[in-house]
Amino acid sequence: MMKKNLAFLFLGFCANLLSAQSDPILLTINGQDITRSEFEYIYNKNTALNELENKDLDSYVDLFINFKLKVEAAKQKGIDTTKAFRNELLGYKKQLAKPYLIDEKSNLQAAAEYYNSISRSSYPKSVKIIQIFKQMPQNMSKLQQQKVYSEMDSIYHLFSSGVNTDFEAMVEKCSDDKNNFWIDVLQTPEDFENAVFALKNGEISKPILSPYGMHIVKILDQKQLPTFDEMKETIVSRLEYRTGVNKGIESVVNRLKKEYDFQLNQVAIDDLKRTGVATGTLFSFNNQSYDVKLFEKFAANYSFGIEKQLNSFINKTILDYEYANLANKYPDFRMLIQEYSDGMLLFEISNQEIWDYAIQNEEGQAAFFRHNRSSYKWDAPKWYGGIVFYKDKKMLKRIKKLIKSTSHSERTDALSQAFNVDGLEMVKVEEGAYAKGDNIYIDAAVYDVDTIATLKDFPYVYVFGKKQSIPYSYTEVRGNLISDYQNFLDAQWVKRLRASSRIEINNEILKTVNNH
């Protein structure tokens, strides 16, 4: 036994050694190892999207390191522990897991077989019906049931005997349901569907028994089957509802049973089916056993027959096990989950540190503008000032004096307060940064464009200001400035992250990226 254990240890060591050799460590960032395969996965995906060439590998290593440092910063802030993050990641994981847990080919094959069977019989897609319906609750006595059967047989006899009887009038008189409505294929119990969908327009059915009661149905209208492509998803979901079996899940479960050496304890299963009571193990797979107590907890919340409960419990147990191990079993699945998780963390931490912060921090925007004003020089100088329209020629001297004595930000209010008193508007003021062609009055005064007519109520015009190559305020170039400010903040953040981190690159392994 000792030799056997040692042999297994040795084999395990060899397997780990081979794995390490086939997927060596490329980077270590703050003690976290990153394998060549992980880097290649992200690198190849991004180079394909951005059409980068291999010569950009060194540059991409820097970007990758920055990316990982930001993700680590997000984790240090606890973003990955928030409820919102966990729920979003779980939703993505479930969506991504579907192809591994459902064989869509089997589902589509079952749907195609059903579609072909009904299309051969000229089945309509849906029928519009009106019915004489008698509800029959589950607790109805046999005597009451017999009374309903007799009443519905008598009603049907009226229609089948040739007596001129108004169906709609009989519905109003006798039916527990007086509405007409459309029903689609696979929407009603199978026996009911087969009976109703075999009728033609205007035909009346014999009494039909369903889980809900007794029906006599008249067809009012029909819609013919569309193409399979239009119906396939509806057929898949409705077949599962009707039969209780998802062929795609059934196919995967059967494959996993073989893969994991699924074994039933037939004695316990037989006891359960016969008496509803059993003890011990129900089944096992992949060296794990599942006992009756687990089944009893499941069955308590799943009120169907024992056969259906057992099948559902077995399927769910196998699929839950497979779902929990997908990341270990399938590297592509693991990579995608990590990619999505890291992407979410990067987005949220970047919002906090860069994007939202830059937009909300107007003081920071102003300071950044002051230090970089020359970067926002206009392609051509603009007239920085405005136009005063005024009623009385004598006002000009006071207007000039007031403009000269007030600041740029206070000028318009000062002119209005000085001249527009007692409800009389004596001046109108416009201010801004004007390029040639932006304003006809500026064009006339500054850019040697022909003089234009003045305003009727304000016959005098005074243009003030000067030509300026650079804006006065960051607010005039906010769009470009915020983008630049965000880039600046990002560069400073990366600089801080790198300064406080330990980064090791295996350059020999780097040479083998996409070349091994």
Protein backbone atom coordinates (compact mmCIF):
# COMPACT_ATOMS: atom_id res chain seq x y z
CA MET A 1 0.00 0.00 0.00
CA MET A 2 2.86 2.38 0.82
CA LYS A 3 4.42 1.75 -2.61
CA LYS A 4 1.09 2.34 -4.27
CA ASN A 5 0.67 5.70 -2.50
CA LEU A 6 4.21 6.69 -3.40
CA ALA A 7 3.54 5.78 -7.02
CA PHE A 8 0.48 7.98 -7.10
CA LEU A 9 2.42 10.84 -5.51
CA PHE A 10 5.17 10.44 -8.10
CA LEU A 11 2.66 10.36 -10.98
CA GLY A 12 0.97 13.46 -9.58
CA PHE A 13 4.32 15.22 -9.35
CA CYS A 14 5.15 14.29 -12.95
CA ALA A 15 1.77 15.49 -14.15
CA ASN A 16 2.27 18.84 -12.40
CA LEU A 17 5.78 19.09 -13.82
CA LEU A 18 4.55 18.41 -17.36
CA SER A 19 1.74 20.91 -16.90
CA ALA A 20 4.20 23.55 -15.70
CA GLN A 21 6.49 22.87 -18.64
CA SER A 22 3.64 23.06 -21.16
CA ASP A 23 2.22 26.25 -19.65
CA PRO A 24 5.10 28.14 -18.00
CA ILE A 25 4.87 31.27 -15.90
CA LEU A 26 5.28 34.37 -18.07
CA LEU A 27 4.65 37.12 -15.53
CA THR A 28 4.51 37.52 -11.79
CA ILE A 29 2.71 40.61 -10.50
CA ASN A 30 2.76 41.17 -6.75
CA GLY A 31 3.23 37.45 -6.20
CA GLN A 32 0.45 36.44 -8.59
CA ASP A 33 1.66 34.12 -11.36
CA ILE A 34 0.29 34.57 -14.88
CA THR A 35 0.82 31.72 -17.30
CA ARG A 36 1.73 32.01 -20.94
CA SER A 37 -1.66 30.57 -21.96
CA GLU A 38 -3.58 33.21 -20.00
CA PHE A 39 -1.54 36.01 -21.59
CA GLU A 40 -1.87 34.47 -25.06
CA TYR A 41 -5.63 34.18 -24.70
CA ILE A 42 -6.03 37.91 -23.95
CA TYR A 43 -3.29 39.01 -26.34
CA ASN A 44 -4.62 37.06 -29.32
CA LYS A 45 -8.16 38.19 -28.67
CA ASN A 46 -7.15 41.84 -28.53
CA THR A 47 -4.77 41.71 -31.45
CA ALA A 48 -7.53 40.15 -33.56
CA LEU A 49 -9.95 42.90 -32.56
CA ASN A 50 -7.47 45.75 -32.98
CA GLU A 51 -5.47 44.30 -35.88
CA LEU A 52 -2.19 44.70 -33.99
CA GLU A 53 0.93 43.03 -35.29
CA ASN A 54 3.34 40.80 -33.41
CA LYS A 55 5.87 43.64 -33.32
CA ASP A 56 3.58 45.26 -30.71
CA LEU A 57 4.10 42.40 -28.24
CA ASP A 58 6.38 44.37 -25.91
CA SER A 59 3.97 47.29 -25.89
CA TYR A 60 1.09 44.95 -25.18
CA VAL A 61 2.93 43.44 -22.21
CA ASP A 62 2.96 46.92 -20.64
CA LEU A 63 -0.76 47.34 -21.32
CA PHE A 64 -1.46 43.89 -19.89
CA ILE A 65 0.48 44.66 -16.71
CA ASN A 66 -1.41 47.96 -16.29
CA PHE A 67 -4.68 46.08 -16.79
CA LYS A 68 -3.82 43.49 -14.14
CA LEU A 69 -2.68 46.16 -11.67
CA LYS A 70 -6.01 47.97 -12.03
CA VAL A 71 -7.96 44.74 -11.54
CA GLU A 72 -5.95 44.06 -8.38
CA ALA A 73 -6.71 47.60 -7.17
CA ALA A 74 -10.42 46.93 -7.68
CA LYS A 75 -10.17 43.76 -5.58
CA GLN A 76 -8.33 45.62 -2.84
CA LYS A 77 -11.28 48.03 -2.75
CA GLY A 78 -13.63 45.08 -2.34
CA ILE A 79 -15.54 45.68 -5.58
CA ASP A 80 -15.52 41.95 -6.31
CA THR A 81 -17.35 41.28 -3.03
CA THR A 82 -20.32 43.57 -3.67
CA LYS A 83 -23.75 42.05 -4.26
CA ALA A 84 -24.16 43.84 -7.59
CA PHE A 85 -20.85 42.48 -8.89
CA ARG A 86 -21.52 38.92 -7.72
CA ASN A 87 -25.02 38.88 -9.20
CA GLU A 88 -23.89 40.20 -12.58
CA LEU A 89 -21.02 37.74 -12.77
CA LEU A 90 -23.29 34.86 -11.74
CA GLY A 91 -25.79 35.79 -14.45
CA TYR A 92 -23.04 35.81 -17.06
CA LYS A 93 -21.65 32.50 -15.80
CA LYS A 94 -25.06 30.83 -16.07
CA GLN A 95 -25.52 32.14 -19.59
CA LEU A 96 -22.06 31.02 -20.62
CA ALA A 97 -22.59 27.58 -19.08
CA LYS A 98 -25.67 26.76 -21.16
CA PRO A 99 -23.81 25.28 -24.16
CA TYR A 100 -21.96 22.95 -21.76
CA LEU A 101 -25.14 21.81 -19.97
CA ILE A 102 -27.66 21.70 -22.82
CA ASP A 103 -27.12 19.92 -26.13
CA GLU A 104 -28.93 22.30 -28.45
CA LYS A 105 -28.55 19.87 -31.38
CA SER A 106 -30.68 17.31 -29.53
CA ASN A 107 -33.28 19.96 -28.74
CA LEU A 108 -33.43 21.09 -32.35
CA GLN A 109 -33.60 17.50 -33.57
CA ALA A 110 -36.60 16.81 -31.31
CA ALA A 111 -38.23 20.05 -32.44
CA ALA A 112 -37.62 19.18 -36.10
CA GLU A 113 -39.13 15.71 -35.64
CA TYR A 114 -42.23 17.22 -34.05
CA TYR A 115 -42.52 19.90 -36.73
CA ASN A 116 -42.18 17.35 -39.53
CA SER A 117 -44.86 15.13 -37.97
CA ILE A 118 -47.43 17.94 -37.77
CA SER A 119 -46.53 19.50 -41.11
CA ARG A 120 -47.20 16.20 -42.87
CA SER A 121 -50.72 16.19 -41.42
CA SER A 122 -51.46 19.80 -42.51
CA TYR A 123 -51.55 20.95 -38.90
CA PRO A 124 -52.35 24.64 -38.47
CA LYS A 125 -50.05 26.75 -36.34
CA SER A 126 -52.96 27.94 -34.24
CA VAL A 127 -56.75 27.79 -34.15
CA LYS A 128 -59.32 30.26 -32.92
CA ILE A 129 -61.98 28.47 -30.91
CA ILE A 130 -65.19 29.00 -28.99
CA GLN A 131 -66.26 26.26 -26.62
CA ILE A 132 -68.97 24.87 -24.44
CA PHE A 133 -66.92 24.11 -21.36
CA LYS A 134 -67.82 22.45 -18.07
CA GLN A 135 -65.23 22.76 -15.34
CA MET A 136 -64.50 19.55 -13.40
CA PRO A 137 -62.51 20.11 -10.18
CA GLN A 138 -60.27 17.31 -8.91
CA ASN A 139 -62.47 16.78 -5.86
CA MET A 140 -65.65 16.31 -7.93
CA SER A 141 -67.55 13.14 -7.02
CA LYS A 142 -68.16 10.36 -9.54
CA LEU A 143 -71.87 11.15 -9.49
CA GLN A 144 -71.17 14.80 -10.34
CA GLN A 145 -68.74 13.73 -13.08
CA GLN A 146 -71.35 11.44 -14.60
CA LYS A 147 -73.83 14.28 -14.61
CA VAL A 148 -71.37 16.46 -16.61
CA TYR A 149 -70.73 13.59 -19.08
CA SER A 150 -74.45 13.12 -19.65
CA GLU A 151 -75.13 16.84 -20.06
CA MET A 152 -72.28 17.30 -22.59
CA ASP A 153 -73.35 14.18 -24.54
CA SER A 154 -76.88 15.59 -24.79
CA ILE A 155 -75.57 18.96 -26.00
CA TYR A 156 -73.37 17.31 -28.64
CA HIS A 157 -76.31 15.16 -29.79
CA LEU A 158 -78.22 18.35 -30.63
CA PHE A 159 -75.47 19.39 -33.06
CA SER A 160 -74.84 15.93 -34.55
CA SER A 161 -78.53 15.13 -35.06
CA GLY A 162 -79.05 17.85 -37.63
CA VAL A 163 -81.26 20.01 -35.42
CA ASN A 164 -80.67 23.68 -36.22
CA THR A 165 -78.92 24.78 -33.02
CA ASP A 166 -76.99 28.03 -32.55
CA PHE A 167 -73.58 27.12 -31.06
CA GLU A 168 -72.87 30.63 -29.79
CA ALA A 169 -76.25 30.78 -28.09
CA MET A 170 -75.54 27.44 -26.42
CA VAL A 171 -72.18 28.81 -25.21
CA GLU A 172 -73.94 31.76 -23.59
CA LYS A 173 -76.47 29.43 -21.98
CA CYS A 174 -74.34 26.49 -20.85
CA SER A 175 -70.59 27.19 -20.89
CA ASP A 176 -68.37 28.06 -17.93
CA ASP A 177 -66.15 29.90 -20.47
CA LYS A 178 -67.86 32.26 -22.90
CA ASN A 179 -64.76 33.76 -24.60
CA ASN A 180 -63.28 32.91 -27.96
CA PHE A 181 -59.50 32.73 -28.18
CA TRP A 182 -56.47 31.45 -30.12
CA ILE A 183 -54.49 28.40 -29.05
CA ASP A 184 -51.11 27.42 -30.53
CA VAL A 185 -49.52 24.03 -31.03
CA LEU A 186 -48.04 22.52 -27.87
CA GLN A 187 -49.97 24.99 -25.74
CA THR A 188 -52.66 22.55 -24.51
CA PRO A 189 -52.67 18.89 -23.37
CA GLU A 190 -51.82 16.49 -26.18
CA ASP A 191 -55.22 14.71 -26.39
CA PHE A 192 -57.02 18.05 -26.49
CA GLU A 193 -54.67 19.39 -29.18
CA ASN A 194 -55.01 16.29 -31.36
CA ALA A 195 -58.80 16.48 -31.25
CA VAL A 196 -59.11 20.23 -31.82
CA PHE A 197 -56.39 20.71 -34.43
CA ALA A 198 -57.86 17.93 -36.58
CA LEU A 199 -61.04 20.01 -37.10
CA LYS A 200 -61.72 22.33 -40.01
CA ASN A 201 -63.21 25.81 -39.87
CA GLY A 202 -66.79 25.68 -38.63
CA GLU A 203 -66.55 22.06 -37.42
CA ILE A 204 -67.65 21.08 -33.94
CA SER A 205 -65.81 18.47 -31.86
CA LYS A 206 -67.14 15.57 -29.89
CA PRO A 207 -66.90 16.08 -26.09
CA ILE A 208 -63.20 16.18 -25.12
CA LEU A 209 -61.98 15.38 -21.62
CA SER A 210 -58.97 17.36 -20.37
CA PRO A 211 -57.39 17.86 -16.93
CA TYR A 212 -59.55 20.97 -16.62
CA GLY A 213 -62.94 19.59 -17.54
CA MET A 214 -65.11 18.71 -20.54
CA HIS A 215 -65.07 20.66 -23.82
CA ILE A 216 -67.13 20.84 -26.99
CA VAL A 217 -65.14 23.04 -29.37
CA LYS A 218 -66.03 24.92 -32.53
CA ILE A 219 -63.28 26.16 -34.88
CA LEU A 220 -63.71 29.81 -35.87
CA ASP A 221 -60.43 30.40 -37.75
CA GLN A 222 -56.99 28.90 -38.43
CA LYS A 223 -53.44 30.08 -39.07
CA GLN A 224 -51.15 27.80 -41.03
CA LEU A 225 -47.72 26.68 -39.90
CA PRO A 226 -44.84 29.09 -40.54
CA THR A 227 -41.34 27.83 -41.33
CA PHE A 228 -39.41 25.67 -38.89
CA ASP A 229 -36.86 28.44 -38.29
CA GLU A 230 -39.68 30.73 -37.12
CA MET A 231 -41.10 28.08 -34.77
CA LYS A 232 -38.11 26.09 -33.50
CA GLU A 233 -37.47 27.99 -30.25
CA THR A 234 -41.17 27.90 -29.31
CA ILE A 235 -41.38 24.19 -30.09
CA VAL A 236 -38.30 23.40 -27.96
CA SER A 237 -39.68 25.19 -24.88
CA ARG A 238 -43.20 23.85 -25.27
CA LEU A 239 -42.10 20.27 -25.86
CA GLU A 240 -40.22 20.41 -22.57
CA TYR A 241 -43.28 21.81 -20.79
CA ARG A 242 -45.54 19.11 -22.21
CA THR A 243 -43.27 16.11 -21.77
CA GLY A 244 -41.27 17.25 -18.74
CA VAL A 245 -38.12 16.32 -20.68
CA ASN A 246 -35.58 18.65 -22.23
CA LYS A 247 -33.89 16.55 -24.90
CA GLY A 248 -30.80 18.74 -24.82
CA ILE A 249 -30.40 18.28 -21.06
CA GLU A 250 -31.20 14.57 -21.32
CA SER A 251 -28.44 14.14 -23.91
CA VAL A 252 -25.85 15.90 -21.73
CA VAL A 253 -26.88 13.95 -18.61
CA ASN A 254 -26.58 10.64 -20.45
CA ARG A 255 -23.10 11.58 -21.65
CA LEU A 256 -22.04 12.64 -18.14
CA LYS A 257 -23.40 9.43 -16.63
CA LYS A 258 -21.00 7.46 -18.81
CA GLU A 259 -18.13 9.88 -18.24
CA TYR A 260 -18.54 9.84 -14.43
CA ASP A 261 -19.43 6.12 -14.10
CA PHE A 262 -22.91 6.78 -12.74
CA GLN A 263 -24.21 3.92 -10.55
CA LEU A 264 -27.74 3.47 -9.19
CA ASN A 265 -28.50 1.68 -5.91
CA GLN A 266 -31.39 -0.25 -7.40
CA VAL A 267 -32.48 -1.65 -4.03
CA ALA A 268 -32.96 1.81 -2.56
CA ILE A 269 -34.65 3.03 -5.76
CA ASP A 270 -37.09 0.10 -5.70
CA ASP A 271 -37.86 0.72 -2.02
CA LEU A 272 -38.60 4.37 -2.75
CA LYS A 273 -40.88 3.55 -5.66
CA ARG A 274 -42.71 0.83 -3.72
CA THR A 275 -43.05 2.36 -0.26
CA GLY A 276 -41.86 5.96 -0.55
CA VAL A 277 -39.20 5.20 2.09
CA ALA A 278 -35.57 4.14 1.74
CA THR A 279 -32.19 4.53 3.45
CA GLY A 280 -28.59 4.86 2.42
CA THR A 281 -27.12 5.79 -0.95
CA LEU A 282 -29.41 6.35 -3.92
CA PHE A 283 -26.70 6.74 -6.53
CA SER A 284 -23.05 7.66 -6.99
CA PHE A 285 -20.81 9.11 -9.69
CA ASN A 286 -17.26 10.34 -9.93
CA ASN A 287 -16.49 8.76 -6.52
CA GLN A 288 -19.22 10.77 -4.75
CA SER A 289 -22.37 9.33 -3.17
CA TYR A 290 -25.80 10.93 -2.81
CA ASP A 291 -28.15 9.59 -0.17
CA VAL A 292 -31.91 9.44 0.37
CA LYS A 293 -31.91 12.41 2.76
CA LEU A 294 -30.72 14.72 -0.03
CA PHE A 295 -33.48 13.39 -2.26
CA GLU A 296 -36.11 13.93 0.45
CA LYS A 297 -35.14 17.61 0.76
CA PHE A 298 -35.44 17.99 -3.00
CA ALA A 299 -38.76 16.10 -3.21
CA ALA A 300 -40.31 18.23 -0.46
CA ASN A 301 -40.24 21.21 -2.85
CA TYR A 302 -41.03 19.26 -6.02
CA SER A 303 -44.55 17.87 -5.79
CA PHE A 304 -44.70 15.34 -8.62
CA GLY A 305 -44.81 11.56 -8.77
CA ILE A 306 -41.88 9.61 -7.36
CA GLU A 307 -40.62 8.61 -10.82
CA LYS A 308 -40.46 12.22 -12.02
CA GLN A 309 -38.97 13.37 -8.71
CA LEU A 310 -36.18 10.80 -8.96
CA ASN A 311 -35.34 11.61 -12.57
CA SER A 312 -35.34 15.34 -11.88
CA PHE A 313 -33.18 14.91 -8.76
CA ILE A 314 -30.63 12.78 -10.62
CA ASN A 315 -30.48 15.22 -13.55
CA LYS A 316 -30.16 18.26 -11.30
CA THR A 317 -27.47 16.65 -9.14
CA ILE A 318 -25.35 15.69 -12.16
CA LEU A 319 -25.78 19.08 -13.84
CA ASP A 320 -25.05 21.00 -10.62
CA TYR A 321 -21.85 18.99 -10.21
CA GLU A 322 -20.85 19.65 -13.81
CA TYR A 323 -21.65 23.38 -13.49
CA ALA A 324 -19.50 23.66 -10.36
CA ASN A 325 -16.55 22.04 -12.18
CA LEU A 326 -16.79 23.72 -15.60
CA ALA A 327 -13.94 26.11 -14.87
CA ASN A 328 -11.62 23.24 -13.94
CA LYS A 329 -12.73 21.06 -16.81
CA TYR A 330 -12.77 23.57 -19.69
CA PRO A 331 -9.93 26.15 -19.96
CA ASP A 332 -11.89 28.28 -22.46
CA PHE A 333 -14.80 28.54 -20.02
CA ARG A 334 -12.43 29.49 -17.20
CA MET A 335 -10.73 32.11 -19.36
CA LEU A 336 -14.02 33.67 -20.43
CA ILE A 337 -15.29 33.89 -16.85
CA GLN A 338 -12.03 35.48 -15.74
CA GLU A 339 -12.07 37.84 -18.71
CA TYR A 340 -15.58 38.98 -17.90
CA SER A 341 -14.84 39.29 -14.18
CA ASP A 342 -11.66 41.30 -14.81
CA GLY A 343 -13.49 43.47 -17.35
CA MET A 344 -16.24 44.30 -14.84
CA LEU A 345 -13.67 45.13 -12.17
CA LEU A 346 -11.67 47.29 -14.58
CA PHE A 347 -14.77 49.20 -15.64
CA GLU A 348 -15.91 49.92 -12.09
CA ILE A 349 -12.49 50.91 -10.72
CA SER A 350 -11.83 53.09 -13.79
CA ASN A 351 -15.15 54.82 -13.23
CA GLN A 352 -14.19 55.61 -9.66
CA GLU A 353 -10.58 56.59 -10.27
CA ILE A 354 -10.77 58.16 -13.73
CA TRP A 355 -13.97 58.59 -15.75
CA ASP A 356 -16.62 59.79 -13.30
CA TYR A 357 -14.01 61.48 -11.15
CA ALA A 358 -12.72 63.56 -14.07
CA ILE A 359 -16.23 64.63 -15.10
CA GLN A 360 -17.28 65.67 -11.58
CA ASN A 361 -14.01 67.33 -10.53
CA GLU A 362 -14.37 70.80 -12.06
CA GLU A 363 -11.60 72.18 -9.86
CA GLY A 364 -9.28 69.55 -11.30
CA GLN A 365 -10.44 70.37 -14.84
CA ALA A 366 -9.68 74.07 -14.30
CA ALA A 367 -6.22 73.32 -12.86
CA PHE A 368 -5.42 70.95 -15.73
CA PHE A 369 -6.50 73.64 -18.21
CA ARG A 370 -4.30 76.28 -16.57
CA HIS A 371 -1.28 74.01 -16.87
CA ASN A 372 -2.04 73.04 -20.46
CA ARG A 373 -3.68 76.11 -22.00
CA SER A 374 -1.38 76.16 -24.99
CA SER A 375 -2.60 72.68 -25.95
CA TYR A 376 -6.06 74.11 -26.62
CA LYS A 377 -5.00 76.82 -29.04
CA TRP A 378 -7.58 77.36 -31.78
CA ASP A 379 -6.64 76.64 -35.38
CA ALA A 380 -7.44 80.27 -36.17
CA PRO A 381 -7.82 83.19 -33.71
CA LYS A 382 -11.35 84.02 -32.55
CA TRP A 383 -12.88 87.32 -31.55
CA TYR A 384 -13.24 87.07 -27.81
CA GLY A 385 -15.86 89.54 -26.63
CA GLY A 386 -19.35 90.50 -27.63
CA ILE A 387 -21.89 92.96 -29.01
CA VAL A 388 -23.98 95.58 -27.24
CA PHE A 389 -27.16 96.73 -28.99
CA TYR A 390 -28.39 100.03 -27.50
CA LYS A 391 -31.17 102.55 -28.08
CA ASP A 392 -29.53 105.93 -27.41
CA LYS A 393 -26.32 107.14 -29.04
CA LYS A 394 -25.42 109.04 -25.84
CA MET A 395 -25.12 105.76 -23.93
CA LEU A 396 -21.92 104.65 -25.71
CA LYS A 397 -19.46 106.42 -23.41
CA ARG A 398 -20.97 104.81 -20.30
CA ILE A 399 -21.11 101.41 -22.03
CA LYS A 400 -17.39 101.52 -22.89
CA LYS A 401 -16.48 102.62 -19.38
CA LEU A 402 -18.52 99.85 -17.78
CA ILE A 403 -17.07 97.19 -20.08
CA LYS A 404 -13.55 98.36 -19.29
CA SER A 405 -14.13 98.30 -15.52
CA THR A 406 -15.80 94.89 -15.18
CA SER A 407 -14.46 91.39 -15.50
CA HIS A 408 -15.28 88.99 -18.29
CA SER A 409 -17.64 86.93 -16.14
CA GLU A 410 -19.57 89.95 -14.75
CA ARG A 411 -19.86 92.09 -17.87
CA THR A 412 -23.28 91.07 -19.18
CA ASP A 413 -24.99 91.34 -15.79
CA ALA A 414 -23.34 94.71 -15.10
CA LEU A 415 -24.58 96.21 -18.39
CA SER A 416 -28.10 94.93 -17.86
CA GLN A 417 -28.28 96.22 -14.27
CA ALA A 418 -26.91 99.61 -15.26
CA PHE A 419 -29.19 100.31 -18.25
CA ASN A 420 -32.23 98.06 -18.06
CA VAL A 421 -34.08 99.64 -15.13
CA ASP A 422 -37.72 100.30 -14.30
CA GLY A 423 -38.81 97.61 -16.75
CA LEU A 424 -37.23 99.36 -19.75
CA GLU A 425 -34.81 97.37 -21.93
CA MET A 426 -32.25 99.85 -23.19
CA VAL A 427 -29.47 97.39 -24.07
CA LYS A 428 -29.12 93.84 -25.35
CA VAL A 429 -25.80 92.03 -24.87
CA GLU A 430 -24.32 88.96 -26.58
CA GLU A 431 -20.94 87.50 -25.60
CA GLY A 432 -18.79 84.62 -26.74
CA ALA A 433 -15.83 83.47 -28.80
CA TYR A 434 -16.55 84.10 -32.48
CA ALA A 435 -14.81 82.69 -35.52
CA LYS A 436 -15.38 84.32 -38.88
CA GLY A 437 -18.90 83.50 -40.00
CA ASP A 438 -20.29 82.87 -36.51
CA ASN A 439 -21.96 86.28 -36.11
CA ILE A 440 -22.85 88.87 -38.75
CA TYR A 441 -22.14 91.85 -36.46
CA ILE A 442 -18.71 90.55 -35.46
CA ASP A 443 -17.99 89.81 -39.12
CA ALA A 444 -18.87 93.40 -40.05
CA ALA A 445 -16.78 94.98 -37.27
CA VAL A 446 -13.80 92.62 -37.16
CA TYR A 447 -13.51 90.56 -40.32
CA ASP A 448 -14.15 93.31 -42.91
CA VAL A 449 -17.47 91.91 -44.07
CA ASP A 450 -19.96 94.38 -45.56
CA THR A 451 -21.94 96.35 -42.98
CA ILE A 452 -25.41 94.98 -42.23
CA ALA A 453 -28.60 96.63 -41.04
CA THR A 454 -29.06 97.20 -37.31
CA LEU A 455 -31.95 96.01 -35.19
CA LYS A 456 -35.09 98.12 -35.45
CA ASP A 457 -35.49 98.75 -31.68
CA PHE A 458 -31.75 99.01 -31.07
CA PRO A 459 -30.29 101.16 -33.84
CA TYR A 460 -26.79 101.39 -32.37
CA VAL A 461 -24.22 98.58 -32.15
CA TYR A 462 -20.96 98.44 -30.26
CA VAL A 463 -18.56 95.51 -30.69
CA PHE A 464 -15.99 94.97 -27.94
CA GLY A 465 -13.26 92.44 -27.25
CA LYS A 466 -10.07 91.27 -28.91
CA LYS A 467 -8.69 88.46 -31.02
CA GLN A 468 -7.61 85.49 -28.94
CA SER A 469 -5.76 82.32 -29.93
CA ILE A 470 -6.42 80.43 -26.68
CA PRO A 471 -9.74 80.21 -24.77
CA TYR A 472 -10.01 81.95 -21.42
CA SER A 473 -11.87 79.16 -19.64
CA TYR A 474 -11.76 75.38 -19.57
CA THR A 475 -15.54 75.36 -19.99
CA GLU A 476 -15.13 76.43 -23.62
CA VAL A 477 -13.19 73.26 -24.49
CA ARG A 478 -14.72 70.93 -21.91
CA GLY A 479 -15.29 68.00 -24.32
CA ASN A 480 -11.66 67.66 -25.41
CA LEU A 481 -10.33 68.72 -22.05
CA ILE A 482 -12.18 66.03 -20.06
CA SER A 483 -10.83 63.35 -22.38
CA ASP A 484 -7.29 64.70 -21.94
CA TYR A 485 -7.80 65.05 -18.19
CA GLN A 486 -8.94 61.44 -17.97
CA ASN A 487 -5.83 60.30 -19.85
CA PHE A 488 -3.70 62.37 -17.50
CA LEU A 489 -5.35 60.88 -14.41
CA ASP A 490 -4.96 57.40 -15.86
CA ALA A 491 -1.24 57.89 -16.48
CA GLN A 492 -0.73 59.20 -12.93
CA TRP A 493 -2.70 56.29 -11.48
CA VAL A 494 -0.68 53.71 -13.42
CA LYS A 495 2.51 55.41 -12.29
CA ARG A 496 1.44 55.06 -8.64
CA LEU A 497 0.36 51.44 -9.10
CA ARG A 498 3.64 50.47 -10.74
CA ALA A 499 5.70 52.30 -8.12
CA SER A 500 4.09 50.23 -5.34
CA SER A 501 4.19 46.88 -7.18
CA ARG A 502 6.66 44.09 -7.80
CA ILE A 503 6.64 42.95 -11.43
CA GLU A 504 8.75 40.14 -12.89
CA ILE A 505 8.80 39.22 -16.60
CA ASN A 506 10.33 36.02 -17.90
CA ASN A 507 11.74 37.34 -21.18
CA GLU A 508 12.74 33.88 -22.38
CA ILE A 509 9.15 32.68 -22.08
CA LEU A 510 7.94 35.93 -23.67
CA LYS A 511 9.90 35.01 -26.81
CA THR A 512 7.81 31.82 -27.09
CA VAL A 513 4.41 33.55 -27.09
CA ASN A 514 2.47 32.20 -30.09
CA ASN A 515 5.64 30.33 -31.04
CA HIS A 516 5.68 26.98 -29.22
